[in-house]
Amino acid sequence: LKKFKFDLSTTDPVSTMEHFLEISPTDSMTESMAKYMLDLTTTCHKFASILPTVLAASCVYVARKLFVMDKVWTCGLEYFSGYTEKDLMKCVTELLRMLIKAPTAKLQGARKKHAASTFTRISHHKLLETKPAAILKALENK
């Protein structure tokens, strides 16, 4: 493989998301929300075909949107991810749908994990009761 300069490395969404979070610093709740969403995606087949970088970027986008950042998708995030807001919208929409269904989903491992104090109890945050549905409705009306 070295002779052909063939590279077998791969990108994983966890390290990519951590990189995006470093580019545009956020508070601990926003970071926890992004990590929670990424954990939720591991049990949903809809996310299996999405590129890890798109998934990571979309989790950061939704977390920032939920906590009302001044600018949800900054120039820095766009530059380093290579994605515009428009590029992320399909995945963002699916993430919001997943968040809405999470409390009644069959698999509850990620919700239980992120209900612990070490994960800031983010899976039971009050804003998850209404905000994802409101954001989804606004996106679908665009």
Protein backbone atom coordinates (compact mmCIF):
# COMPACT_ATOMS: atom_id res chain seq x y z
CA LEU A 1 0.00 0.00 0.00
CA LYS A 2 2.89 2.38 0.69
CA LYS A 3 4.13 1.89 -2.85
CA PHE A 4 0.81 3.19 -4.20
CA LYS A 5 0.59 5.89 -1.50
CA PHE A 6 -2.75 4.40 -0.49
CA ASP A 7 -4.19 5.87 2.71
CA LEU A 8 -6.67 3.84 4.78
CA SER A 9 -7.29 6.48 7.42
CA THR A 10 -10.83 7.54 8.16
CA THR A 11 -12.54 10.45 9.83
CA ASP A 12 -14.73 9.85 12.85
CA PRO A 13 -17.48 12.26 13.88
CA VAL A 14 -16.34 12.52 17.52
CA SER A 15 -12.88 13.95 16.86
CA THR A 16 -14.24 16.05 14.00
CA MET A 17 -16.92 17.53 16.26
CA GLU A 18 -14.35 18.29 18.97
CA HIS A 19 -12.31 20.12 16.34
CA PHE A 20 -15.35 22.17 15.28
CA LEU A 21 -16.12 23.01 18.92
CA GLU A 22 -12.55 24.28 19.35
CA ILE A 23 -12.83 26.50 16.27
CA SER A 24 -15.83 28.38 17.60
CA PRO A 25 -15.78 28.04 21.40
CA THR A 26 -19.10 27.41 23.09
CA ASP A 27 -20.29 26.93 26.64
CA SER A 28 -20.39 23.52 28.33
CA MET A 29 -24.15 23.08 27.80
CA THR A 30 -23.87 23.61 24.04
CA GLU A 31 -20.93 21.21 23.88
CA SER A 32 -22.84 18.62 25.93
CA MET A 33 -25.86 18.97 23.64
CA ALA A 34 -23.73 18.36 20.54
CA LYS A 35 -22.21 15.24 22.13
CA TYR A 36 -25.64 13.99 23.23
CA MET A 37 -27.02 14.31 19.70
CA LEU A 38 -24.02 12.49 18.26
CA ASP A 39 -24.60 9.65 20.74
CA LEU A 40 -28.28 9.50 19.77
CA THR A 41 -27.37 9.06 16.10
CA THR A 42 -25.59 5.77 16.81
CA THR A 43 -28.95 4.03 17.26
CA CYS A 44 -30.70 5.57 14.25
CA HIS A 45 -30.17 4.01 10.82
CA LYS A 46 -30.92 7.29 9.01
CA PHE A 47 -27.51 8.63 10.03
CA ALA A 48 -25.45 5.63 8.87
CA SER A 49 -25.07 6.97 5.33
CA ILE A 50 -24.23 10.54 6.33
CA LEU A 51 -20.59 11.60 6.09
CA PRO A 52 -18.96 11.83 9.55
CA THR A 53 -17.94 15.44 8.91
CA VAL A 54 -21.49 16.43 7.93
CA LEU A 55 -22.87 14.66 11.00
CA ALA A 56 -20.38 16.39 13.32
CA ALA A 57 -20.99 19.79 11.77
CA SER A 58 -24.77 19.33 11.95
CA CYS A 59 -24.64 18.36 15.64
CA VAL A 60 -22.65 21.52 16.39
CA TYR A 61 -25.08 23.59 14.31
CA VAL A 62 -28.19 22.28 16.09
CA ALA A 63 -26.62 22.63 19.54
CA ARG A 64 -25.68 26.23 18.82
CA LYS A 65 -29.17 26.88 17.40
CA LEU A 66 -30.85 25.42 20.49
CA PHE A 67 -28.88 27.68 22.80
CA VAL A 68 -29.42 30.75 20.59
CA MET A 69 -25.89 31.66 19.64
CA ASP A 70 -25.55 35.09 18.00
CA LYS A 71 -24.32 33.53 14.78
CA VAL A 72 -25.14 29.84 14.57
CA TRP A 73 -22.78 28.96 11.70
CA THR A 74 -19.74 31.23 11.81
CA CYS A 75 -17.33 32.01 8.98
CA GLY A 76 -14.71 29.96 10.84
CA LEU A 77 -16.97 26.93 11.09
CA GLU A 78 -17.89 27.23 7.43
CA TYR A 79 -14.26 27.60 6.38
CA PHE A 80 -12.83 24.73 8.44
CA SER A 81 -15.74 22.34 7.90
CA GLY A 82 -16.11 23.15 4.22
CA TYR A 83 -19.90 23.24 4.63
CA THR A 84 -22.38 26.08 4.34
CA GLU A 85 -25.56 26.18 6.42
CA LYS A 86 -27.47 25.04 3.33
CA ASP A 87 -25.21 21.98 3.01
CA LEU A 88 -26.18 20.86 6.52
CA MET A 89 -29.95 21.37 6.39
CA LYS A 90 -30.94 17.81 5.45
CA CYS A 91 -28.97 16.37 8.37
CA VAL A 92 -30.04 19.21 10.71
CA THR A 93 -33.69 18.43 9.95
CA GLU A 94 -33.18 14.74 10.75
CA LEU A 95 -31.35 15.61 13.99
CA LEU A 96 -34.23 17.81 15.11
CA ARG A 97 -36.74 15.04 14.33
CA MET A 98 -34.59 12.61 16.30
CA LEU A 99 -34.48 14.99 19.31
CA ILE A 100 -38.26 15.34 19.24
CA LYS A 101 -38.72 11.54 19.24
CA ALA A 102 -35.93 10.79 21.76
CA PRO A 103 -38.08 10.71 24.93
CA THR A 104 -40.32 7.98 23.47
CA ALA A 105 -37.73 6.11 21.40
CA LYS A 106 -37.32 2.38 21.99
CA LEU A 107 -33.58 2.64 22.66
CA GLN A 108 -32.86 4.89 25.66
CA GLY A 109 -29.16 4.27 26.32
CA ALA A 110 -27.92 7.66 25.14
CA ARG A 111 -30.70 9.50 27.01
CA LYS A 112 -29.88 7.63 30.23
CA LYS A 113 -26.16 8.23 29.81
CA HIS A 114 -26.63 11.96 29.24
CA ALA A 115 -29.10 12.24 32.16
CA ALA A 116 -26.15 11.81 34.55
CA SER A 117 -24.64 14.83 36.27
CA THR A 118 -21.28 14.10 34.61
CA PHE A 119 -23.02 14.87 31.30
CA THR A 120 -24.77 17.99 32.68
CA ARG A 121 -28.13 16.14 32.59
CA ILE A 122 -28.45 17.49 29.06
CA SER A 123 -30.87 14.82 27.84
CA HIS A 124 -33.51 16.18 30.24
CA HIS A 125 -32.86 19.88 29.61
CA LYS A 126 -36.06 21.93 29.68
CA LEU A 127 -35.51 23.42 26.22
CA LEU A 128 -35.76 19.96 24.63
CA GLU A 129 -39.49 19.95 25.44
CA THR A 130 -40.40 22.58 22.83
CA LYS A 131 -37.42 24.17 21.09
CA PRO A 132 -36.49 21.41 18.59
CA ALA A 133 -40.08 21.33 17.29
CA ALA A 134 -40.16 25.13 16.97
CA ILE A 135 -36.85 25.19 15.07
CA LEU A 136 -37.98 22.33 12.81
CA LYS A 137 -41.24 24.11 12.02
CA ALA A 138 -39.35 27.32 11.16
CA LEU A 139 -36.95 25.43 8.87
CA GLU A 140 -39.78 23.62 7.09
CA ASN A 141 -41.58 26.93 6.49
CA LYS A 142 -38.57 28.46 4.71
